[in-house]
């Protein structure tokens, strides 16, 4: 694509309304998936947790997301969710975060 810069893997949604952020997140995931990016970082902030919950509900159901979890504390902690993009893996290997921010098998 001529004139286009690199695809950004980070999407900053904090401070946005849930309904406004979902289409942006969908486009962000699709753009990054199309270029083979292995993950995206969704910045939702800490706040009341409404946006964080909506982001994770969205990611849980998204067919291009293999697993997701909070970022390490040094890179945003529970104010940032990292979503690993899926490229042909079975949904049975999907993982979700547990209450401490670590991966949890979806079958547990």
Protein backbone atom coordinates (compact mmCIF):
# COMPACT_ATOMS: atom_id res chain seq x y z
CA UNK A 1 0.00 0.00 0.00
CA UNK A 2 1.70 3.14 -1.17
CA UNK A 3 2.06 5.94 1.34
CA UNK A 4 0.75 3.89 4.23
CA UNK A 5 2.79 3.73 7.40
CA UNK A 6 3.31 0.65 9.50
CA UNK A 7 0.31 -0.98 11.13
CA UNK A 8 0.07 -0.05 14.81
CA UNK A 9 -0.42 -2.98 17.15
CA UNK A 10 -1.66 -0.71 19.98
CA UNK A 11 -5.16 0.71 20.13
CA UNK A 12 -5.90 3.30 22.81
CA UNK A 13 -9.57 3.18 23.82
CA UNK A 14 -9.41 4.50 27.36
CA UNK A 15 -11.91 7.24 28.00
CA UNK A 16 -14.14 6.09 25.12
CA UNK A 17 -17.69 4.83 25.30
CA UNK A 18 -18.19 1.10 24.82
CA UNK A 19 -20.42 1.49 21.75
CA UNK A 20 -17.91 3.79 20.06
CA UNK A 21 -14.93 1.56 20.80
CA UNK A 22 -16.21 -1.81 19.50
CA UNK A 23 -16.13 -0.94 15.76
CA UNK A 24 -12.64 0.55 16.19
CA UNK A 25 -11.44 -2.60 17.95
CA UNK A 26 -12.94 -4.83 15.23
CA UNK A 27 -11.14 -2.86 12.49
CA UNK A 28 -7.90 -2.87 14.49
CA UNK A 29 -7.95 -6.65 14.95
CA UNK A 30 -8.75 -7.28 11.27
CA UNK A 31 -6.02 -4.90 10.04
CA UNK A 32 -3.38 -6.50 12.24
CA UNK A 33 -4.52 -10.02 11.38
CA UNK A 34 -4.35 -9.23 7.66
CA UNK A 35 -0.65 -8.33 7.93
CA UNK A 36 0.26 -11.30 10.13
CA UNK A 37 0.75 -9.42 13.41
CA UNK A 38 0.81 -12.03 16.21
CA UNK A 39 -0.87 -9.83 18.84
CA UNK A 40 -2.53 -6.50 19.55
CA UNK A 41 -2.55 -4.38 22.69
CA UNK A 42 -5.89 -2.85 23.63
CA UNK A 43 -5.50 0.05 26.08
CA UNK A 44 -8.75 0.40 28.01
CA UNK A 45 -7.49 1.92 31.24
CA UNK A 46 -8.52 0.92 34.74
CA UNK A 47 -11.42 3.25 35.59
CA UNK A 48 -14.67 1.59 36.59
CA UNK A 49 -13.92 -1.56 34.60
CA UNK A 50 -16.86 -1.18 32.23
CA UNK A 51 -14.70 -0.75 29.12
CA UNK A 52 -12.24 -3.47 30.23
CA UNK A 53 -15.12 -5.93 30.68
CA UNK A 54 -16.60 -5.02 27.29
CA UNK A 55 -13.20 -5.40 25.59
CA UNK A 56 -12.66 -8.84 27.11
CA UNK A 57 -16.21 -9.98 26.32
CA UNK A 58 -15.62 -8.89 22.72
CA UNK A 59 -12.25 -10.68 22.52
CA UNK A 60 -13.66 -13.87 24.08
CA UNK A 61 -16.11 -14.21 21.18
CA UNK A 62 -13.87 -13.00 18.35
CA UNK A 63 -12.91 -15.69 15.82
CA UNK A 64 -9.50 -14.11 15.12
CA UNK A 65 -8.43 -14.05 18.79
CA UNK A 66 -6.76 -17.14 20.21
CA UNK A 67 -6.25 -15.91 23.77
CA UNK A 68 -6.02 -12.71 25.75
CA UNK A 69 -4.61 -11.56 29.07
CA UNK A 70 -3.57 -8.45 30.98
CA UNK A 71 -0.26 -6.85 30.12
CA UNK A 72 2.65 -7.18 32.57
CA UNK A 73 2.64 -4.45 35.25
CA UNK A 74 5.53 -2.59 33.57
CA UNK A 75 3.53 -2.21 30.33
CA UNK A 76 0.10 -1.31 31.69
CA UNK A 77 -1.05 -4.21 33.87
CA UNK A 78 -4.83 -4.52 34.10
CA UNK A 79 -5.28 -1.29 32.11
CA UNK A 80 -4.12 -3.06 28.93
CA UNK A 81 -5.31 -6.33 27.43
CA UNK A 82 -3.05 -8.22 25.04
CA UNK A 83 -4.89 -10.32 22.47
CA UNK A 84 -2.98 -13.01 20.61
CA UNK A 85 -4.32 -13.40 17.11
CA UNK A 86 -5.24 -16.82 15.81
CA UNK A 87 -4.09 -18.21 12.47
CA UNK A 88 -5.81 -21.54 11.86
CA UNK A 89 -5.60 -23.00 15.37
CA UNK A 90 -8.50 -24.87 16.89
CA UNK A 91 -10.77 -22.85 19.18
CA UNK A 92 -10.38 -25.65 21.73
CA UNK A 93 -6.89 -24.31 22.47
CA UNK A 94 -8.19 -20.82 23.31
CA UNK A 95 -7.16 -19.40 26.64
CA UNK A 96 -8.62 -16.69 28.78
CA UNK A 97 -7.29 -14.69 31.68
CA UNK A 98 -7.91 -15.67 35.26
CA UNK A 99 -8.63 -13.16 38.02
CA UNK A 100 -4.90 -12.60 38.59
CA UNK A 101 -4.26 -11.78 34.93
CA UNK A 102 -2.60 -15.09 34.06
CA UNK A 103 -3.70 -17.46 31.30
CA UNK A 104 -6.41 -19.94 32.18
CA UNK A 105 -7.41 -22.89 30.02
CA UNK A 106 -10.90 -22.32 28.64
CA UNK A 107 -11.77 -25.92 29.57
CA UNK A 108 -10.99 -25.42 33.29
